[in-house]
Amino acid sequence: MTDDVALLVERALGGDPDAADRLVRLHMGAAYAVALAVTRNPHEAEDVAQDALVLALERLAECRDPRKFGGWLVRIVRNRAFNHRRYLGIRAAEPLEHADAAPGSSTPLEETERAELRDRLNEAVGELPQTQREVLLLHDLEGWKHREIGESLGMPEGTVRYHLFNARRAVRGRLRALVGEED
């Protein structure tokens, strides 16, 4: 995929709007996940991700290695998200909003249970340290490989695995504690 991305970067630099569009589509999910890990607010994360993607396209010529566009973009997203958070003075996590219920034959009870589970999961992920949140979201939500995450966040693969292991363990523990509180 790195060669495909490098080709898209080269084509976008040459003025191909379809290549730029494809770059955005390929990386929007990861940009959003990183922004969400920093801002902890889905609306702000979406704004930050879009802003960072626009900035990256405007400064595409500054990307030294087109094969590492994803890592370069993640650094831009992180910087923009930190700046945004600092600007707004956000200090506490805000809960993620409920996603619209999927259409179908689910009962109100099932929808309520699904919403409660989603809230618990969001709360557990929100309590993770930022690096663990980023690694967990990029790996489990976006499907990035350990190597890709390491390159993007500037850490060895082993460190990525360590953060992912600890993040998953912490989320499991928090979910168990939340379920235990109900009993």
C-alpha atoms as a PDB file:
ATOM      1  CA  MET A   1       0.000   0.000   0.000  1.00  0.00           C
ATOM      2  CA  THR A   2       2.930   2.362   0.632  1.00  0.00           C
ATOM      3  CA  ASP A   3       3.830   2.320  -3.051  1.00  0.00           C
ATOM      4  CA  ASP A   4       0.212   3.068  -3.972  1.00  0.00           C
ATOM      5  CA  VAL A   5       0.174   5.985  -1.534  1.00  0.00           C
ATOM      6  CA  ALA A   6       3.484   7.266  -2.883  1.00  0.00           C
ATOM      7  CA  LEU A   7       2.049   7.170  -6.409  1.00  0.00           C
ATOM      8  CA  LEU A   8      -1.062   9.039  -5.249  1.00  0.00           C
ATOM      9  CA  VAL A   9       1.107  11.679  -3.576  1.00  0.00           C
ATOM     10  CA  GLU A  10       3.158  12.138  -6.742  1.00  0.00           C
ATOM     11  CA  ARG A  11       0.006  12.403  -8.858  1.00  0.00           C
ATOM     12  CA  ALA A  12      -1.572  14.869  -6.420  1.00  0.00           C
ATOM     13  CA  LEU A  13       1.582  16.976  -6.502  1.00  0.00           C
ATOM     14  CA  GLY A  14       1.212  16.986 -10.280  1.00  0.00           C
ATOM     15  CA  GLY A  15      -2.264  18.485  -9.913  1.00  0.00           C
ATOM     16  CA  ASP A  16      -4.430  15.364 -10.225  1.00  0.00           C
ATOM     17  CA  PRO A  17      -7.578  16.093  -8.169  1.00  0.00           C
ATOM     18  CA  ASP A  18      -8.649  12.435  -8.242  1.00  0.00           C
ATOM     19  CA  ALA A  19      -5.382  11.419  -6.582  1.00  0.00           C
ATOM     20  CA  ALA A  20      -5.839  14.054  -3.874  1.00  0.00           C
ATOM     21  CA  ASP A  21      -9.401  12.857  -3.318  1.00  0.00           C
ATOM     22  CA  ARG A  22      -8.211   9.250  -3.041  1.00  0.00           C
ATOM     23  CA  LEU A  23      -5.539  10.248  -0.497  1.00  0.00           C
ATOM     24  CA  VAL A  24      -8.194  11.931   1.611  1.00  0.00           C
ATOM     25  CA  ARG A  25     -10.531   8.927   1.408  1.00  0.00           C
ATOM     26  CA  LEU A  26      -7.739   6.505   2.346  1.00  0.00           C
ATOM     27  CA  HIS A  27      -6.613   8.483   5.374  1.00  0.00           C
ATOM     28  CA  MET A  28      -9.762  10.149   6.738  1.00  0.00           C
ATOM     29  CA  GLY A  29     -10.520   7.302   9.151  1.00  0.00           C
ATOM     30  CA  ALA A  30      -7.041   7.273  10.645  1.00  0.00           C
ATOM     31  CA  ALA A  31      -6.982  11.073  10.864  1.00  0.00           C
ATOM     32  CA  TYR A  32     -10.312  11.003  12.683  1.00  0.00           C
ATOM     33  CA  ALA A  33      -9.163   8.260  15.075  1.00  0.00           C
ATOM     34  CA  VAL A  34      -6.035  10.200  16.040  1.00  0.00           C
ATOM     35  CA  ALA A  35      -7.977  13.452  16.424  1.00  0.00           C
ATOM     36  CA  LEU A  36     -10.576  11.664  18.550  1.00  0.00           C
ATOM     37  CA  ALA A  37      -7.859  10.218  20.773  1.00  0.00           C
ATOM     38  CA  VAL A  38      -6.646  13.748  21.500  1.00  0.00           C
ATOM     39  CA  THR A  39      -9.874  15.784  21.572  1.00  0.00           C
ATOM     40  CA  ARG A  40     -12.186  13.085  22.977  1.00  0.00           C
ATOM     41  CA  ASN A  41     -15.068  14.753  21.184  1.00  0.00           C
ATOM     42  CA  PRO A  42     -16.429  13.329  17.913  1.00  0.00           C
ATOM     43  CA  HIS A  43     -17.489  16.676  16.435  1.00  0.00           C
ATOM     44  CA  GLU A  44     -14.199  18.366  17.242  1.00  0.00           C
ATOM     45  CA  ALA A  45     -12.279  15.330  15.998  1.00  0.00           C
ATOM     46  CA  GLU A  46     -14.078  15.494  12.678  1.00  0.00           C
ATOM     47  CA  ASP A  47     -13.281  19.197  12.322  1.00  0.00           C
ATOM     48  CA  VAL A  48      -9.642  18.694  13.292  1.00  0.00           C
ATOM     49  CA  ALA A  49      -9.237  15.738  10.904  1.00  0.00           C
ATOM     50  CA  GLN A  50     -10.721  17.663   7.988  1.00  0.00           C
ATOM     51  CA  ASP A  51      -8.647  20.729   8.788  1.00  0.00           C
ATOM     52  CA  ALA A  52      -5.482  18.623   8.981  1.00  0.00           C
ATOM     53  CA  LEU A  53      -6.231  16.892   5.680  1.00  0.00           C
ATOM     54  CA  VAL A  54      -6.737  20.228   3.941  1.00  0.00           C
ATOM     55  CA  LEU A  55      -3.502  21.529   5.447  1.00  0.00           C
ATOM     56  CA  ALA A  56      -1.653  18.366   4.395  1.00  0.00           C
ATOM     57  CA  LEU A  57      -2.858  18.722   0.808  1.00  0.00           C
ATOM     58  CA  GLU A  58      -1.845  22.386   0.768  1.00  0.00           C
ATOM     59  CA  ARG A  59       1.633  21.463   2.047  1.00  0.00           C
ATOM     60  CA  LEU A  60       1.991  18.189   0.171  1.00  0.00           C
ATOM     61  CA  ALA A  61       5.302  19.294  -1.313  1.00  0.00           C
ATOM     62  CA  GLU A  62       6.730  19.313   2.243  1.00  0.00           C
ATOM     63  CA  CYS A  63       6.177  15.555   2.607  1.00  0.00           C
ATOM     64  CA  ARG A  64       9.783  14.358   2.224  1.00  0.00           C
ATOM     65  CA  ASP A  65       9.002  10.687   1.674  1.00  0.00           C
ATOM     66  CA  PRO A  66       5.720  10.064  -0.177  1.00  0.00           C
ATOM     67  CA  ARG A  67       5.761   6.437   1.022  1.00  0.00           C
ATOM     68  CA  LYS A  68       5.377   7.735   4.586  1.00  0.00           C
ATOM     69  CA  PHE A  69       2.490  10.081   3.843  1.00  0.00           C
ATOM     70  CA  GLY A  70       0.332   8.397   6.518  1.00  0.00           C
ATOM     71  CA  GLY A  71       2.845   9.021   9.289  1.00  0.00           C
ATOM     72  CA  TRP A  72       3.427  12.574   8.120  1.00  0.00           C
ATOM     73  CA  LEU A  73      -0.330  13.184   8.122  1.00  0.00           C
ATOM     74  CA  VAL A  74      -0.758  11.681  11.603  1.00  0.00           C
ATOM     75  CA  ARG A  75       1.815  14.125  12.978  1.00  0.00           C
ATOM     76  CA  ILE A  76      -0.104  17.014  11.407  1.00  0.00           C
ATOM     77  CA  VAL A  77      -3.375  15.713  12.865  1.00  0.00           C
ATOM     78  CA  ARG A  78      -1.866  15.324  16.330  1.00  0.00           C
ATOM     79  CA  ASN A  79      -0.415  18.834  16.255  1.00  0.00           C
ATOM     80  CA  ARG A  80      -3.686  20.340  15.034  1.00  0.00           C
ATOM     81  CA  ALA A  81      -5.653  18.411  17.666  1.00  0.00           C
ATOM     82  CA  PHE A  82      -3.351  19.549  20.478  1.00  0.00           C
ATOM     83  CA  ASN A  83      -3.561  23.131  19.256  1.00  0.00           C
ATOM     84  CA  HIS A  84      -7.342  22.885  19.019  1.00  0.00           C
ATOM     85  CA  ARG A  85      -7.632  21.400  22.505  1.00  0.00           C
ATOM     86  CA  ARG A  86      -5.347  24.063  23.917  1.00  0.00           C
ATOM     87  CA  TYR A  87      -7.336  26.795  22.136  1.00  0.00           C
ATOM     88  CA  LEU A  88     -10.629  25.595  23.573  1.00  0.00           C
ATOM     89  CA  GLY A  89      -9.170  24.951  26.989  1.00  0.00           C
ATOM     90  CA  ILE A  90     -10.579  21.455  27.084  1.00  0.00           C
ATOM     91  CA  ARG A  91      -9.415  19.684  30.211  1.00  0.00           C
ATOM     92  CA  ALA A  92     -11.970  16.945  30.819  1.00  0.00           C
ATOM     93  CA  ALA A  93     -13.217  14.174  28.583  1.00  0.00           C
ATOM     94  CA  GLU A  94     -16.654  14.527  27.128  1.00  0.00           C
ATOM     95  CA  PRO A  95     -18.750  11.443  26.401  1.00  0.00           C
ATOM     96  CA  LEU A  96     -19.102  10.334  22.819  1.00  0.00           C
ATOM     97  CA  GLU A  97     -22.587  10.857  21.456  1.00  0.00           C
ATOM     98  CA  HIS A  98     -24.777   7.906  20.729  1.00  0.00           C
ATOM     99  CA  ALA A  99     -24.648   6.717  17.164  1.00  0.00           C
ATOM    100  CA  ASP A 100     -27.947   6.420  15.398  1.00  0.00           C
ATOM    101  CA  ALA A 101     -29.502   3.031  15.942  1.00  0.00           C
ATOM    102  CA  ALA A 102     -29.153   0.724  12.991  1.00  0.00           C
ATOM    103  CA  PRO A 103     -32.404   0.191  11.131  1.00  0.00           C
ATOM    104  CA  GLY A 104     -33.833  -3.252  11.451  1.00  0.00           C
ATOM    105  CA  SER A 105     -35.730  -5.442  13.796  1.00  0.00           C
ATOM    106  CA  SER A 106     -33.960  -4.608  17.053  1.00  0.00           C
ATOM    107  CA  THR A 107     -36.188  -3.996  20.022  1.00  0.00           C
ATOM    108  CA  PRO A 108     -36.003  -0.886  22.185  1.00  0.00           C
ATOM    109  CA  LEU A 109     -34.457  -3.039  24.930  1.00  0.00           C
ATOM    110  CA  GLU A 110     -31.711  -4.248  22.565  1.00  0.00           C
ATOM    111  CA  GLU A 111     -31.051  -0.693  21.413  1.00  0.00           C
ATOM    112  CA  THR A 112     -30.820   0.472  25.029  1.00  0.00           C
ATOM    113  CA  GLU A 113     -28.415  -2.333  25.919  1.00  0.00           C
ATOM    114  CA  ARG A 114     -26.291  -1.548  22.861  1.00  0.00           C
ATOM    115  CA  ALA A 115     -26.217   2.157  23.791  1.00  0.00           C
ATOM    116  CA  GLU A 116     -25.225   1.319  27.391  1.00  0.00           C
ATOM    117  CA  LEU A 117     -22.443  -0.961  26.174  1.00  0.00           C
ATOM    118  CA  ARG A 118     -21.213   1.717  23.767  1.00  0.00           C
ATOM    119  CA  ASP A 119     -21.207   4.280  26.593  1.00  0.00           C
ATOM    120  CA  ARG A 120     -19.229   1.939  28.857  1.00  0.00           C
ATOM    121  CA  LEU A 121     -16.726   1.193  26.114  1.00  0.00           C
ATOM    122  CA  ASN A 122     -16.300   4.887  25.291  1.00  0.00           C
ATOM    123  CA  GLU A 123     -15.825   5.661  28.978  1.00  0.00           C
ATOM    124  CA  ALA A 124     -13.216   2.918  29.346  1.00  0.00           C
ATOM    125  CA  VAL A 125     -11.312   4.035  26.226  1.00  0.00           C
ATOM    126  CA  GLY A 126     -11.580   7.669  27.327  1.00  0.00           C
ATOM    127  CA  GLU A 127      -9.774   6.861  30.573  1.00  0.00           C
ATOM    128  CA  LEU A 128      -6.715   5.492  28.779  1.00  0.00           C
ATOM    129  CA  PRO A 129      -3.558   7.567  28.530  1.00  0.00           C
ATOM    130  CA  GLN A 130      -3.419   9.346  25.189  1.00  0.00           C
ATOM    131  CA  THR A 131      -0.737   7.152  23.611  1.00  0.00           C
ATOM    132  CA  GLN A 132      -2.649   4.007  24.496  1.00  0.00           C
ATOM    133  CA  ARG A 133      -5.868   5.534  23.118  1.00  0.00           C
ATOM    134  CA  GLU A 134      -4.150   6.432  19.839  1.00  0.00           C
ATOM    135  CA  VAL A 135      -2.567   2.998  19.441  1.00  0.00           C
ATOM    136  CA  LEU A 136      -5.813   1.205  20.310  1.00  0.00           C
ATOM    137  CA  LEU A 137      -7.933   3.301  17.942  1.00  0.00           C
ATOM    138  CA  LEU A 138      -5.465   3.086  15.060  1.00  0.00           C
ATOM    139  CA  HIS A 139      -5.011  -0.675  15.448  1.00  0.00           C
ATOM    140  CA  ASP A 140      -8.466  -1.903  16.414  1.00  0.00           C
ATOM    141  CA  LEU A 141     -10.643   0.714  14.749  1.00  0.00           C
ATOM    142  CA  GLU A 142      -8.608   1.584  11.675  1.00  0.00           C
ATOM    143  CA  GLY A 143      -6.805  -1.720  11.175  1.00  0.00           C
ATOM    144  CA  TRP A 144      -3.288  -0.271  11.040  1.00  0.00           C
ATOM    145  CA  LYS A 145      -0.385  -2.666  11.482  1.00  0.00           C
ATOM    146  CA  HIS A 146       2.003  -2.313  14.414  1.00  0.00           C
ATOM    147  CA  ARG A 147       4.772  -1.148  12.078  1.00  0.00           C
ATOM    148  CA  GLU A 148       2.560   1.565  10.548  1.00  0.00           C
ATOM    149  CA  ILE A 149       1.529   2.833  13.969  1.00  0.00           C
ATOM    150  CA  GLY A 150       5.136   2.840  15.130  1.00  0.00           C
ATOM    151  CA  GLU A 151       6.256   4.841  12.109  1.00  0.00           C
ATOM    152  CA  SER A 152       3.393   7.299  12.542  1.00  0.00           C
ATOM    153  CA  LEU A 153       3.860   7.838  16.258  1.00  0.00           C
ATOM    154  CA  GLY A 154       7.659   7.596  16.235  1.00  0.00           C
ATOM    155  CA  MET A 155       8.055   4.502  18.400  1.00  0.00           C
ATOM    156  CA  PRO A 156       9.397   0.983  17.914  1.00  0.00           C
ATOM    157  CA  GLU A 157       6.995  -1.822  16.989  1.00  0.00           C
ATOM    158  CA  GLY A 158       7.556  -3.492  20.342  1.00  0.00           C
ATOM    159  CA  THR A 159       6.484  -0.334  22.143  1.00  0.00           C
ATOM    160  CA  VAL A 160       3.332  -0.198  20.009  1.00  0.00           C
ATOM    161  CA  ARG A 161       2.543  -3.798  20.982  1.00  0.00           C
ATOM    162  CA  TYR A 162       3.186  -2.959  24.637  1.00  0.00           C
ATOM    163  CA  HIS A 163       0.796   0.037  24.539  1.00  0.00           C
ATOM    164  CA  LEU A 164      -1.848  -1.988  22.688  1.00  0.00           C
ATOM    165  CA  PHE A 165      -1.619  -4.846  25.202  1.00  0.00           C
ATOM    166  CA  ASN A 166      -1.898  -2.464  28.157  1.00  0.00           C
ATOM    167  CA  ALA A 167      -4.737  -0.505  26.548  1.00  0.00           C
ATOM    168  CA  ARG A 168      -6.775  -3.642  25.919  1.00  0.00           C
ATOM    169  CA  ARG A 169      -6.097  -4.930  29.431  1.00  0.00           C
ATOM    170  CA  ALA A 170      -7.133  -1.595  30.959  1.00  0.00           C
ATOM    171  CA  VAL A 171     -10.337  -1.438  28.898  1.00  0.00           C
ATOM    172  CA  ARG A 172     -11.244  -5.023  29.859  1.00  0.00           C
ATOM    173  CA  GLY A 173     -10.580  -4.253  33.520  1.00  0.00           C
ATOM    174  CA  ARG A 174     -12.627  -1.071  33.426  1.00  0.00           C
ATOM    175  CA  LEU A 175     -15.523  -2.827  31.703  1.00  0.00           C
ATOM    176  CA  ARG A 176     -15.431  -5.606  34.326  1.00  0.00           C
ATOM    177  CA  ALA A 177     -15.465  -2.972  37.075  1.00  0.00           C
ATOM    178  CA  LEU A 178     -18.415  -1.182  35.488  1.00  0.00           C
ATOM    179  CA  VAL A 179     -20.371  -4.418  35.160  1.00  0.00           C
ATOM    180  CA  GLY A 180     -19.475  -5.322  38.775  1.00  0.00           C
ATOM    181  CA  GLU A 181     -20.784  -1.953  40.002  1.00  0.00           C
ATOM    182  CA  GLU A 182     -24.234  -2.828  38.667  1.00  0.00           C
ATOM    183  CA  ASP A 183     -24.525  -6.093  40.593  1.00  0.00           C
END
